[in-house]
Amino acid sequence: KEQIAAYKKEYYEENKEQVAAYRKEYREKNKEQIAASNKKWRENNKEYRKKKLEYDKAYNEVNKEDIAVYYKKWRIKNKESNAIRDRAKKYGITPEDYNAMLEEQDNKCKICLVKFNNTPHIDHCHRTGKIRSLLCRFCNTGLGFFKDDIEVLTKAVNYLEENNEPIK
């Protein structure tokens, strides 16, 4: 048994990508069968799941601080991969698309033209979800406060022009 386990481990290490691709393909081909099997398992193991949930809650309560430290370290360690996943999930944008936008904008905010020194914000239309460009935190927040309303923004510009005093 130990030799078989060692062989399987070695094979997996040498063929991680192929194994992952096979598993992904299998899951996609058998989605309905897997979902039905999972549902059946959940129905047949309600008591186990209830006890497991109670155990997990108690464990999390006792180890709250350690868990918080662990996840903080994990988020720091995985910051870039989290950002990539979040951009893909929220905006449907690939790392290549994102990097192309950064390059196209010369790593500057589309509005104020200041170089990004923090992570750029992906500006998008809240009605259509269409991505517009990358903005700095201040410009993105400003547009958000004005709710992307061009009429209100124009009034704000007019107000500033009418009440602008020279800096001494």
C-alpha atoms as a PDB file:
ATOM      1  CA  LYS A   1       0.000   0.000   0.000  1.00  0.00           C
ATOM      2  CA  GLU A   2       2.817   2.420   0.861  1.00  0.00           C
ATOM      3  CA  GLN A   3       4.492   1.778  -2.516  1.00  0.00           C
ATOM      4  CA  ILE A   4       1.227   2.436  -4.340  1.00  0.00           C
ATOM      5  CA  ALA A   5       0.651   5.648  -2.362  1.00  0.00           C
ATOM      6  CA  ALA A   6       4.214   6.793  -3.095  1.00  0.00           C
ATOM      7  CA  TYR A   7       3.779   6.015  -6.794  1.00  0.00           C
ATOM      8  CA  LYS A   8       0.466   7.920  -6.948  1.00  0.00           C
ATOM      9  CA  LYS A   9       2.010  10.913  -5.184  1.00  0.00           C
ATOM     10  CA  GLU A  10       5.026  10.922  -7.513  1.00  0.00           C
ATOM     11  CA  TYR A  11       2.799  10.537 -10.592  1.00  0.00           C
ATOM     12  CA  TYR A  12       0.565  13.405  -9.438  1.00  0.00           C
ATOM     13  CA  GLU A  13       3.555  15.689  -8.786  1.00  0.00           C
ATOM     14  CA  GLU A  14       4.963  14.964 -12.258  1.00  0.00           C
ATOM     15  CA  ASN A  15       1.589  15.366 -14.023  1.00  0.00           C
ATOM     16  CA  LYS A  16      -0.247  18.039 -12.005  1.00  0.00           C
ATOM     17  CA  GLU A  17      -1.421  20.029 -15.013  1.00  0.00           C
ATOM     18  CA  GLN A  18      -2.707  17.002 -16.943  1.00  0.00           C
ATOM     19  CA  VAL A  19      -4.473  15.648 -13.854  1.00  0.00           C
ATOM     20  CA  ALA A  20      -6.076  19.047 -13.177  1.00  0.00           C
ATOM     21  CA  ALA A  21      -7.181  19.331 -16.821  1.00  0.00           C
ATOM     22  CA  TYR A  22      -8.659  15.814 -16.751  1.00  0.00           C
ATOM     23  CA  ARG A  23     -10.530  16.505 -13.505  1.00  0.00           C
ATOM     24  CA  LYS A  24     -11.893  19.784 -14.839  1.00  0.00           C
ATOM     25  CA  GLU A  25     -13.026  18.132 -18.080  1.00  0.00           C
ATOM     26  CA  TYR A  26     -14.636  15.286 -16.117  1.00  0.00           C
ATOM     27  CA  ARG A  27     -16.527  17.710 -13.850  1.00  0.00           C
ATOM     28  CA  GLU A  28     -17.788  19.691 -16.830  1.00  0.00           C
ATOM     29  CA  LYS A  29     -18.939  16.544 -18.679  1.00  0.00           C
ATOM     30  CA  ASN A  30     -20.653  15.101 -15.590  1.00  0.00           C
ATOM     31  CA  LYS A  31     -22.091  18.221 -13.913  1.00  0.00           C
ATOM     32  CA  GLU A  32     -25.612  16.861 -13.523  1.00  0.00           C
ATOM     33  CA  GLN A  33     -24.486  13.446 -12.275  1.00  0.00           C
ATOM     34  CA  ILE A  34     -22.122  15.036  -9.741  1.00  0.00           C
ATOM     35  CA  ALA A  35     -24.808  17.481  -8.571  1.00  0.00           C
ATOM     36  CA  ALA A  36     -27.300  14.621  -8.116  1.00  0.00           C
ATOM     37  CA  SER A  37     -24.741  12.561  -6.207  1.00  0.00           C
ATOM     38  CA  ASN A  38     -23.896  15.511  -3.935  1.00  0.00           C
ATOM     39  CA  LYS A  39     -27.571  16.173  -3.296  1.00  0.00           C
ATOM     40  CA  LYS A  40     -28.184  12.533  -2.427  1.00  0.00           C
ATOM     41  CA  TRP A  41     -25.198  12.539  -0.047  1.00  0.00           C
ATOM     42  CA  ARG A  42     -26.441  15.707   1.690  1.00  0.00           C
ATOM     43  CA  GLU A  43     -29.923  14.187   2.117  1.00  0.00           C
ATOM     44  CA  ASN A  44     -28.481  10.955   3.520  1.00  0.00           C
ATOM     45  CA  ASN A  45     -26.064  12.709   5.884  1.00  0.00           C
ATOM     46  CA  LYS A  46     -28.146  15.477   7.435  1.00  0.00           C
ATOM     47  CA  GLU A  47     -27.234  14.461  10.981  1.00  0.00           C
ATOM     48  CA  TYR A  48     -23.519  14.339  10.189  1.00  0.00           C
ATOM     49  CA  ARG A  49     -23.696  17.736   8.510  1.00  0.00           C
ATOM     50  CA  LYS A  50     -25.536  19.192  11.515  1.00  0.00           C
ATOM     51  CA  LYS A  51     -22.907  17.863  13.951  1.00  0.00           C
ATOM     52  CA  LYS A  52     -20.080  19.045  11.685  1.00  0.00           C
ATOM     53  CA  LEU A  53     -21.576  22.535  11.515  1.00  0.00           C
ATOM     54  CA  GLU A  54     -21.897  22.656  15.317  1.00  0.00           C
ATOM     55  CA  TYR A  55     -18.301  21.439  15.700  1.00  0.00           C
ATOM     56  CA  ASP A  56     -17.014  24.013  13.175  1.00  0.00           C
ATOM     57  CA  LYS A  57     -18.882  26.853  14.906  1.00  0.00           C
ATOM     58  CA  ALA A  58     -17.464  25.859  18.300  1.00  0.00           C
ATOM     59  CA  TYR A  59     -13.955  25.481  16.876  1.00  0.00           C
ATOM     60  CA  ASN A  60     -14.136  28.848  15.114  1.00  0.00           C
ATOM     61  CA  GLU A  61     -15.355  30.547  18.287  1.00  0.00           C
ATOM     62  CA  VAL A  62     -12.505  29.112  20.396  1.00  0.00           C
ATOM     63  CA  ASN A  63      -9.861  29.824  17.722  1.00  0.00           C
ATOM     64  CA  LYS A  64     -11.209  33.148  16.438  1.00  0.00           C
ATOM     65  CA  GLU A  65      -7.930  35.072  16.861  1.00  0.00           C
ATOM     66  CA  ASP A  66      -5.716  32.383  15.309  1.00  0.00           C
ATOM     67  CA  ILE A  67      -8.076  32.064  12.359  1.00  0.00           C
ATOM     68  CA  ALA A  68      -8.080  35.839  11.835  1.00  0.00           C
ATOM     69  CA  VAL A  69      -4.260  35.908  11.839  1.00  0.00           C
ATOM     70  CA  TYR A  70      -4.112  32.975   9.430  1.00  0.00           C
ATOM     71  CA  TYR A  71      -6.523  34.590   6.948  1.00  0.00           C
ATOM     72  CA  LYS A  72      -4.787  37.961   7.173  1.00  0.00           C
ATOM     73  CA  LYS A  73      -1.472  36.315   6.259  1.00  0.00           C
ATOM     74  CA  TRP A  74      -3.196  34.313   3.527  1.00  0.00           C
ATOM     75  CA  ARG A  75      -4.786  37.431   1.974  1.00  0.00           C
ATOM     76  CA  ILE A  76      -1.417  39.229   1.974  1.00  0.00           C
ATOM     77  CA  LYS A  77       0.345  36.205   0.477  1.00  0.00           C
ATOM     78  CA  ASN A  78      -2.336  35.735  -2.209  1.00  0.00           C
ATOM     79  CA  LYS A  79      -3.128  39.390  -2.913  1.00  0.00           C
ATOM     80  CA  GLU A  80      -2.420  39.293  -6.657  1.00  0.00           C
ATOM     81  CA  SER A  81      -4.196  35.996  -7.345  1.00  0.00           C
ATOM     82  CA  ASN A  82      -7.200  37.252  -5.350  1.00  0.00           C
ATOM     83  CA  ALA A  83      -7.253  40.465  -7.386  1.00  0.00           C
ATOM     84  CA  ILE A  84      -7.111  38.489 -10.647  1.00  0.00           C
ATOM     85  CA  ARG A  85      -9.960  36.197  -9.511  1.00  0.00           C
ATOM     86  CA  ASP A  86     -12.046  39.135  -8.255  1.00  0.00           C
ATOM     87  CA  ARG A  87     -11.600  41.113 -11.512  1.00  0.00           C
ATOM     88  CA  ALA A  88     -12.571  38.058 -13.547  1.00  0.00           C
ATOM     89  CA  LYS A  89     -15.610  37.338 -11.367  1.00  0.00           C
ATOM     90  CA  LYS A  90     -16.858  40.910 -11.025  1.00  0.00           C
ATOM     91  CA  TYR A  91     -15.991  42.381 -14.442  1.00  0.00           C
ATOM     92  CA  GLY A  92     -15.145  39.404 -16.668  1.00  0.00           C
ATOM     93  CA  ILE A  93     -11.698  40.859 -17.292  1.00  0.00           C
ATOM     94  CA  THR A  94      -8.610  38.721 -17.891  1.00  0.00           C
ATOM     95  CA  PRO A  95      -5.131  39.606 -16.596  1.00  0.00           C
ATOM     96  CA  GLU A  96      -4.144  40.296 -20.212  1.00  0.00           C
ATOM     97  CA  ASP A  97      -7.060  42.736 -20.661  1.00  0.00           C
ATOM     98  CA  TYR A  98      -6.212  44.484 -17.399  1.00  0.00           C
ATOM     99  CA  ASN A  99      -2.523  44.811 -18.251  1.00  0.00           C
ATOM    100  CA  ALA A 100      -3.410  46.094 -21.738  1.00  0.00           C
ATOM    101  CA  MET A 101      -5.609  48.799 -20.167  1.00  0.00           C
ATOM    102  CA  LEU A 102      -2.784  49.797 -17.823  1.00  0.00           C
ATOM    103  CA  GLU A 103      -0.353  49.985 -20.722  1.00  0.00           C
ATOM    104  CA  GLU A 104      -2.808  51.889 -22.938  1.00  0.00           C
ATOM    105  CA  GLN A 105      -3.308  54.458 -20.157  1.00  0.00           C
ATOM    106  CA  ASP A 106       0.468  54.631 -19.487  1.00  0.00           C
ATOM    107  CA  ASN A 107      -0.233  53.478 -15.910  1.00  0.00           C
ATOM    108  CA  LYS A 108      -2.145  56.743 -15.265  1.00  0.00           C
ATOM    109  CA  CYS A 109      -5.657  57.626 -14.162  1.00  0.00           C
ATOM    110  CA  LYS A 110      -7.852  58.337 -17.176  1.00  0.00           C
ATOM    111  CA  ILE A 111      -9.261  61.513 -15.553  1.00  0.00           C
ATOM    112  CA  CYS A 112      -6.511  63.249 -13.549  1.00  0.00           C
ATOM    113  CA  LEU A 113      -3.573  61.631 -15.423  1.00  0.00           C
ATOM    114  CA  VAL A 114      -1.686  60.944 -12.184  1.00  0.00           C
ATOM    115  CA  LYS A 115       0.452  57.780 -12.189  1.00  0.00           C
ATOM    116  CA  PHE A 116      -1.051  54.952 -10.178  1.00  0.00           C
ATOM    117  CA  ASN A 117       0.814  54.285  -6.944  1.00  0.00           C
ATOM    118  CA  ASN A 118      -1.981  52.081  -5.582  1.00  0.00           C
ATOM    119  CA  THR A 119      -4.176  49.510  -7.273  1.00  0.00           C
ATOM    120  CA  PRO A 120      -6.263  51.222  -9.973  1.00  0.00           C
ATOM    121  CA  HIS A 121     -10.032  51.039  -9.750  1.00  0.00           C
ATOM    122  CA  ILE A 122     -11.948  49.571 -12.671  1.00  0.00           C
ATOM    123  CA  ASP A 123     -14.536  52.159 -13.623  1.00  0.00           C
ATOM    124  CA  HIS A 124     -17.698  50.752 -15.129  1.00  0.00           C
ATOM    125  CA  CYS A 125     -21.214  51.827 -15.997  1.00  0.00           C
ATOM    126  CA  HIS A 126     -23.530  50.663 -13.219  1.00  0.00           C
ATOM    127  CA  ARG A 127     -26.477  50.366 -15.612  1.00  0.00           C
ATOM    128  CA  THR A 128     -24.807  48.290 -18.348  1.00  0.00           C
ATOM    129  CA  GLY A 129     -21.790  46.862 -16.476  1.00  0.00           C
ATOM    130  CA  LYS A 130     -19.548  47.985 -19.369  1.00  0.00           C
ATOM    131  CA  ILE A 131     -15.963  48.731 -18.329  1.00  0.00           C
ATOM    132  CA  ARG A 132     -14.894  52.283 -19.158  1.00  0.00           C
ATOM    133  CA  SER A 133     -11.306  52.628 -17.961  1.00  0.00           C
ATOM    134  CA  LEU A 134      -8.991  52.569 -14.950  1.00  0.00           C
ATOM    135  CA  LEU A 135      -9.210  55.394 -12.427  1.00  0.00           C
ATOM    136  CA  CYS A 136      -7.425  56.404  -9.253  1.00  0.00           C
ATOM    137  CA  ARG A 137      -9.322  56.013  -6.003  1.00  0.00           C
ATOM    138  CA  PHE A 138     -10.176  59.731  -5.787  1.00  0.00           C
ATOM    139  CA  CYS A 139     -11.580  60.078  -9.311  1.00  0.00           C
ATOM    140  CA  ASN A 140     -13.518  56.821  -9.009  1.00  0.00           C
ATOM    141  CA  THR A 141     -14.987  57.882  -5.664  1.00  0.00           C
ATOM    142  CA  GLY A 142     -15.854  61.316  -7.060  1.00  0.00           C
ATOM    143  CA  LEU A 143     -17.783  59.818  -9.962  1.00  0.00           C
ATOM    144  CA  GLY A 144     -19.513  57.496  -7.522  1.00  0.00           C
ATOM    145  CA  PHE A 145     -20.640  60.359  -5.312  1.00  0.00           C
ATOM    146  CA  PHE A 146     -22.088  62.107  -8.354  1.00  0.00           C
ATOM    147  CA  LYS A 147     -23.751  58.813  -9.381  1.00  0.00           C
ATOM    148  CA  ASP A 148     -22.271  59.177 -12.909  1.00  0.00           C
ATOM    149  CA  ASP A 149     -24.830  61.956 -13.574  1.00  0.00           C
ATOM    150  CA  ILE A 150     -23.371  64.198 -16.300  1.00  0.00           C
ATOM    151  CA  GLU A 151     -25.875  66.981 -15.579  1.00  0.00           C
ATOM    152  CA  VAL A 152     -24.889  67.136 -11.903  1.00  0.00           C
ATOM    153  CA  LEU A 153     -21.182  66.912 -12.785  1.00  0.00           C
ATOM    154  CA  THR A 154     -21.601  69.804 -15.236  1.00  0.00           C
ATOM    155  CA  LYS A 155     -23.280  71.855 -12.498  1.00  0.00           C
ATOM    156  CA  ALA A 156     -20.363  71.053 -10.189  1.00  0.00           C
ATOM    157  CA  VAL A 157     -17.856  72.234 -12.824  1.00  0.00           C
ATOM    158  CA  ASN A 158     -19.875  75.426 -13.368  1.00  0.00           C
ATOM    159  CA  TYR A 159     -19.997  76.003  -9.622  1.00  0.00           C
ATOM    160  CA  LEU A 160     -16.228  75.648  -9.311  1.00  0.00           C
ATOM    161  CA  GLU A 161     -15.613  77.939 -12.282  1.00  0.00           C
ATOM    162  CA  GLU A 162     -17.940  80.618 -10.825  1.00  0.00           C
ATOM    163  CA  ASN A 163     -16.439  80.417  -7.327  1.00  0.00           C
ATOM    164  CA  ASN A 164     -12.809  79.736  -8.117  1.00  0.00           C
ATOM    165  CA  GLU A 165     -10.386  81.941  -6.228  1.00  0.00           C
ATOM    166  CA  PRO A 166      -6.726  82.048  -7.174  1.00  0.00           C
ATOM    167  CA  ILE A 167      -4.327  80.251  -4.802  1.00  0.00           C
ATOM    168  CA  LYS A 168      -2.095  82.730  -2.980  1.00  0.00           C
END
